[in-house]
Amino acid sequence: MSHTRPTRSQFRHFTTMPSRWGDHDSYGHVNNVVYHSYYESAVSLFLVEQGTLDIASSPVIGLIVENCCTYFSSVSFPDRITVGMRIAKLGNSSARYELALFRNDEQEASAAGYIVYVYVDRASNQSTAIPEHVRAALLKLVD
């Protein structure tokens, strides 16, 4: 993802969530690390809604191996956060999600970043191919 400020029209799926009072830091805006939790929550919720992730018992799970965030403008409480999501690269055992946080109804992102998930066998923690039913869901997000 470049350092160019993305717009809503560049994303394929959206998840909306509230900012929380406890997300703030002493400067009065959402703390940097919280942006990553918004990203991860949006991805996990998408997978659960698609029926591809049972948090307690899915035999294959995605683990984050890399993430990044570029900040453009502040988010604070009580803003409504919309996370835009797309997949820029879908490999055999990994997926690179590109995400952006939109404040309230703004069209330009307040932050943008990516997460790389590698899919592993839960029992062995070894890399494995993305299961076909998961791949089918992920293809909905491919840019």
C-alpha atoms as a PDB file:
ATOM      1  CA  MET A   1       0.000   0.000   0.000  1.00  0.00           C
ATOM      2  CA  SER A   2       1.397   3.400  -0.919  1.00  0.00           C
ATOM      3  CA  HIS A   3       1.475   6.461   1.299  1.00  0.00           C
ATOM      4  CA  THR A   4      -1.242   8.043  -0.838  1.00  0.00           C
ATOM      5  CA  ARG A   5      -4.406   8.666   1.164  1.00  0.00           C
ATOM      6  CA  PRO A   6      -6.984   6.119  -0.053  1.00  0.00           C
ATOM      7  CA  THR A   7     -10.699   6.740  -0.537  1.00  0.00           C
ATOM      8  CA  ARG A   8     -13.703   4.510   0.201  1.00  0.00           C
ATOM      9  CA  SER A   9     -14.166   3.686  -3.483  1.00  0.00           C
ATOM     10  CA  GLN A  10     -10.922   1.667  -3.438  1.00  0.00           C
ATOM     11  CA  PHE A  11     -12.240  -1.023  -1.067  1.00  0.00           C
ATOM     12  CA  ARG A  12     -14.477  -4.060  -1.547  1.00  0.00           C
ATOM     13  CA  HIS A  13     -15.883  -4.668   1.947  1.00  0.00           C
ATOM     14  CA  PHE A  14     -16.659  -2.459   4.952  1.00  0.00           C
ATOM     15  CA  THR A  15     -17.080  -3.072   8.671  1.00  0.00           C
ATOM     16  CA  THR A  16     -18.298  -0.331  10.985  1.00  0.00           C
ATOM     17  CA  MET A  17     -17.531  -0.126  14.695  1.00  0.00           C
ATOM     18  CA  PRO A  18     -17.518   2.589  17.348  1.00  0.00           C
ATOM     19  CA  SER A  19     -14.425   4.121  18.786  1.00  0.00           C
ATOM     20  CA  ARG A  20     -14.289   3.482  22.519  1.00  0.00           C
ATOM     21  CA  TRP A  21     -13.508   5.861  25.362  1.00  0.00           C
ATOM     22  CA  GLY A  22     -10.625   3.620  26.457  1.00  0.00           C
ATOM     23  CA  ASP A  23      -8.998   3.758  22.991  1.00  0.00           C
ATOM     24  CA  HIS A  24      -7.640   7.262  23.699  1.00  0.00           C
ATOM     25  CA  ASP A  25      -4.176   8.226  24.729  1.00  0.00           C
ATOM     26  CA  SER A  26      -3.152  11.277  26.736  1.00  0.00           C
ATOM     27  CA  TYR A  27      -3.188  13.423  23.572  1.00  0.00           C
ATOM     28  CA  GLY A  28      -6.960  12.996  23.192  1.00  0.00           C
ATOM     29  CA  HIS A  29      -6.999  10.803  20.106  1.00  0.00           C
ATOM     30  CA  VAL A  30      -7.095   7.067  19.470  1.00  0.00           C
ATOM     31  CA  ASN A  31      -3.710   5.557  20.303  1.00  0.00           C
ATOM     32  CA  ASN A  32      -1.672   4.252  17.366  1.00  0.00           C
ATOM     33  CA  VAL A  33      -1.712   0.604  18.445  1.00  0.00           C
ATOM     34  CA  VAL A  34      -5.522   0.606  18.562  1.00  0.00           C
ATOM     35  CA  TYR A  35      -5.679   1.116  14.797  1.00  0.00           C
ATOM     36  CA  HIS A  36      -4.148  -2.350  14.404  1.00  0.00           C
ATOM     37  CA  SER A  37      -6.842  -3.834  16.645  1.00  0.00           C
ATOM     38  CA  TYR A  38      -9.528  -2.223  14.454  1.00  0.00           C
ATOM     39  CA  TYR A  39      -7.909  -3.844  11.402  1.00  0.00           C
ATOM     40  CA  GLU A  40      -7.650  -7.264  13.031  1.00  0.00           C
ATOM     41  CA  SER A  41     -11.211  -7.090  14.363  1.00  0.00           C
ATOM     42  CA  ALA A  42     -12.564  -6.234  10.903  1.00  0.00           C
ATOM     43  CA  VAL A  43     -10.723  -9.140   9.254  1.00  0.00           C
ATOM     44  CA  SER A  44     -11.766 -11.608  11.965  1.00  0.00           C
ATOM     45  CA  LEU A  45     -15.391 -10.466  11.837  1.00  0.00           C
ATOM     46  CA  PHE A  46     -15.439 -10.859   8.046  1.00  0.00           C
ATOM     47  CA  LEU A  47     -14.105 -14.425   8.343  1.00  0.00           C
ATOM     48  CA  VAL A  48     -16.617 -15.333  11.068  1.00  0.00           C
ATOM     49  CA  GLU A  49     -19.506 -13.830   9.056  1.00  0.00           C
ATOM     50  CA  GLN A  50     -18.392 -15.823   5.998  1.00  0.00           C
ATOM     51  CA  GLY A  51     -18.484 -19.033   8.053  1.00  0.00           C
ATOM     52  CA  THR A  52     -14.787 -19.664   7.461  1.00  0.00           C
ATOM     53  CA  LEU A  53     -13.503 -19.103  10.993  1.00  0.00           C
ATOM     54  CA  ASP A  54     -14.615 -20.845  14.154  1.00  0.00           C
ATOM     55  CA  ILE A  55     -12.348 -19.119  16.650  1.00  0.00           C
ATOM     56  CA  ALA A  56     -12.351 -22.079  19.044  1.00  0.00           C
ATOM     57  CA  SER A  57     -12.008 -24.992  16.659  1.00  0.00           C
ATOM     58  CA  SER A  58     -11.066 -24.183  13.043  1.00  0.00           C
ATOM     59  CA  PRO A  59      -8.292 -26.653  12.118  1.00  0.00           C
ATOM     60  CA  VAL A  60      -6.577 -24.034   9.927  1.00  0.00           C
ATOM     61  CA  ILE A  61      -6.107 -20.500  11.241  1.00  0.00           C
ATOM     62  CA  GLY A  62      -4.489 -17.318   9.977  1.00  0.00           C
ATOM     63  CA  LEU A  63      -1.613 -15.838  11.977  1.00  0.00           C
ATOM     64  CA  ILE A  64      -0.412 -12.284  11.464  1.00  0.00           C
ATOM     65  CA  VAL A  65       3.215 -12.255  10.334  1.00  0.00           C
ATOM     66  CA  GLU A  66       3.482  -8.629   9.209  1.00  0.00           C
ATOM     67  CA  ASN A  67       1.535  -5.401   9.616  1.00  0.00           C
ATOM     68  CA  CYS A  68       1.887  -1.718   8.863  1.00  0.00           C
ATOM     69  CA  CYS A  69      -0.099   1.483   9.358  1.00  0.00           C
ATOM     70  CA  THR A  70       0.234   4.972   7.892  1.00  0.00           C
ATOM     71  CA  TYR A  71      -1.636   7.756   9.703  1.00  0.00           C
ATOM     72  CA  PHE A  72      -3.229  10.698   7.880  1.00  0.00           C
ATOM     73  CA  SER A  73      -5.590  12.283  10.421  1.00  0.00           C
ATOM     74  CA  SER A  74      -6.730  11.656  13.988  1.00  0.00           C
ATOM     75  CA  VAL A  75      -9.687   9.602  15.135  1.00  0.00           C
ATOM     76  CA  SER A  76     -11.203  10.206  18.565  1.00  0.00           C
ATOM     77  CA  PHE A  77     -14.174   9.300  20.740  1.00  0.00           C
ATOM     78  CA  PRO A  78     -17.096   9.210  19.872  1.00  0.00           C
ATOM     79  CA  ASP A  79     -16.181   8.784  16.182  1.00  0.00           C
ATOM     80  CA  ARG A  80     -17.668   5.937  14.184  1.00  0.00           C
ATOM     81  CA  ILE A  81     -14.947   3.895  12.476  1.00  0.00           C
ATOM     82  CA  THR A  82     -15.483   2.192   9.139  1.00  0.00           C
ATOM     83  CA  VAL A  83     -12.758  -0.234   8.091  1.00  0.00           C
ATOM     84  CA  GLY A  84     -12.413  -0.702   4.345  1.00  0.00           C
ATOM     85  CA  MET A  85     -10.885  -4.004   3.297  1.00  0.00           C
ATOM     86  CA  ARG A  86      -9.490  -5.628   0.160  1.00  0.00           C
ATOM     87  CA  ILE A  87      -6.974  -8.342  -0.608  1.00  0.00           C
ATOM     88  CA  ALA A  88      -4.005  -7.244  -2.671  1.00  0.00           C
ATOM     89  CA  LYS A  89      -2.328 -10.656  -2.839  1.00  0.00           C
ATOM     90  CA  LEU A  90      -3.755 -14.123  -2.305  1.00  0.00           C
ATOM     91  CA  GLY A  91      -1.099 -16.817  -2.277  1.00  0.00           C
ATOM     92  CA  ASN A  92      -1.166 -20.549  -1.578  1.00  0.00           C
ATOM     93  CA  SER A  93      -0.867 -20.132   2.194  1.00  0.00           C
ATOM     94  CA  SER A  94      -0.986 -16.378   2.754  1.00  0.00           C
ATOM     95  CA  ALA A  95      -3.127 -13.323   2.156  1.00  0.00           C
ATOM     96  CA  ARG A  96      -2.207  -9.653   2.233  1.00  0.00           C
ATOM     97  CA  TYR A  97      -5.165  -7.592   3.397  1.00  0.00           C
ATOM     98  CA  GLU A  98      -5.063  -3.881   2.654  1.00  0.00           C
ATOM     99  CA  LEU A  99      -7.196  -1.840   5.027  1.00  0.00           C
ATOM    100  CA  ALA A 100      -8.182   1.745   5.692  1.00  0.00           C
ATOM    101  CA  LEU A 101      -9.943   3.476   8.589  1.00  0.00           C
ATOM    102  CA  PHE A 102     -12.566   6.042   7.714  1.00  0.00           C
ATOM    103  CA  ARG A 103     -13.809   8.495  10.353  1.00  0.00           C
ATOM    104  CA  ASN A 104     -17.581   8.946  10.419  1.00  0.00           C
ATOM    105  CA  ASP A 105     -18.742   9.672   6.833  1.00  0.00           C
ATOM    106  CA  GLU A 106     -15.409  10.942   5.523  1.00  0.00           C
ATOM    107  CA  GLN A 107     -14.429   9.682   2.065  1.00  0.00           C
ATOM    108  CA  GLU A 108     -10.668   9.895   2.625  1.00  0.00           C
ATOM    109  CA  ALA A 109      -8.975   7.514   5.025  1.00  0.00           C
ATOM    110  CA  SER A 110      -7.695   8.611   8.425  1.00  0.00           C
ATOM    111  CA  ALA A 111      -5.235   5.704   8.298  1.00  0.00           C
ATOM    112  CA  ALA A 112      -4.280   2.942   5.898  1.00  0.00           C
ATOM    113  CA  GLY A 113      -2.230  -0.184   6.249  1.00  0.00           C
ATOM    114  CA  TYR A 114      -1.900  -3.866   5.624  1.00  0.00           C
ATOM    115  CA  ILE A 115      -1.824  -7.180   7.421  1.00  0.00           C
ATOM    116  CA  VAL A 116      -0.256 -10.360   6.077  1.00  0.00           C
ATOM    117  CA  TYR A 117      -1.800 -13.565   7.376  1.00  0.00           C
ATOM    118  CA  VAL A 118      -0.130 -16.942   6.936  1.00  0.00           C
ATOM    119  CA  TYR A 119      -2.463 -19.892   7.285  1.00  0.00           C
ATOM    120  CA  VAL A 120      -1.271 -22.666   9.565  1.00  0.00           C
ATOM    121  CA  ASP A 121      -2.485 -25.979  10.847  1.00  0.00           C
ATOM    122  CA  ARG A 122      -3.719 -25.190  14.372  1.00  0.00           C
ATOM    123  CA  ALA A 123      -2.294 -28.391  15.890  1.00  0.00           C
ATOM    124  CA  SER A 124       1.196 -28.287  14.348  1.00  0.00           C
ATOM    125  CA  ASN A 125       1.521 -24.515  13.776  1.00  0.00           C
ATOM    126  CA  GLN A 126       2.980 -25.342  10.359  1.00  0.00           C
ATOM    127  CA  SER A 127       2.141 -23.383   7.225  1.00  0.00           C
ATOM    128  CA  THR A 128      -0.565 -24.993   5.111  1.00  0.00           C
ATOM    129  CA  ALA A 129      -2.590 -24.211   2.013  1.00  0.00           C
ATOM    130  CA  ILE A 130      -5.593 -21.952   2.509  1.00  0.00           C
ATOM    131  CA  PRO A 131      -8.643 -24.272   2.632  1.00  0.00           C
ATOM    132  CA  GLU A 132     -10.879 -23.979  -0.442  1.00  0.00           C
ATOM    133  CA  HIS A 133     -13.913 -22.668   1.485  1.00  0.00           C
ATOM    134  CA  VAL A 134     -11.721 -19.939   3.004  1.00  0.00           C
ATOM    135  CA  ARG A 135     -10.165 -19.125  -0.385  1.00  0.00           C
ATOM    136  CA  ALA A 136     -13.663 -18.763  -1.890  1.00  0.00           C
ATOM    137  CA  ALA A 137     -14.545 -16.163   0.755  1.00  0.00           C
ATOM    138  CA  LEU A 138     -11.241 -14.339   0.361  1.00  0.00           C
ATOM    139  CA  LEU A 139     -11.689 -14.105  -3.400  1.00  0.00           C
ATOM    140  CA  LYS A 140     -14.620 -11.727  -2.732  1.00  0.00           C
ATOM    141  CA  LEU A 141     -12.040  -9.230  -1.469  1.00  0.00           C
ATOM    142  CA  VAL A 142      -9.430  -9.618  -4.201  1.00  0.00           C
ATOM    143  CA  ASP A 143      -8.741  -6.333  -5.899  1.00  0.00           C
END
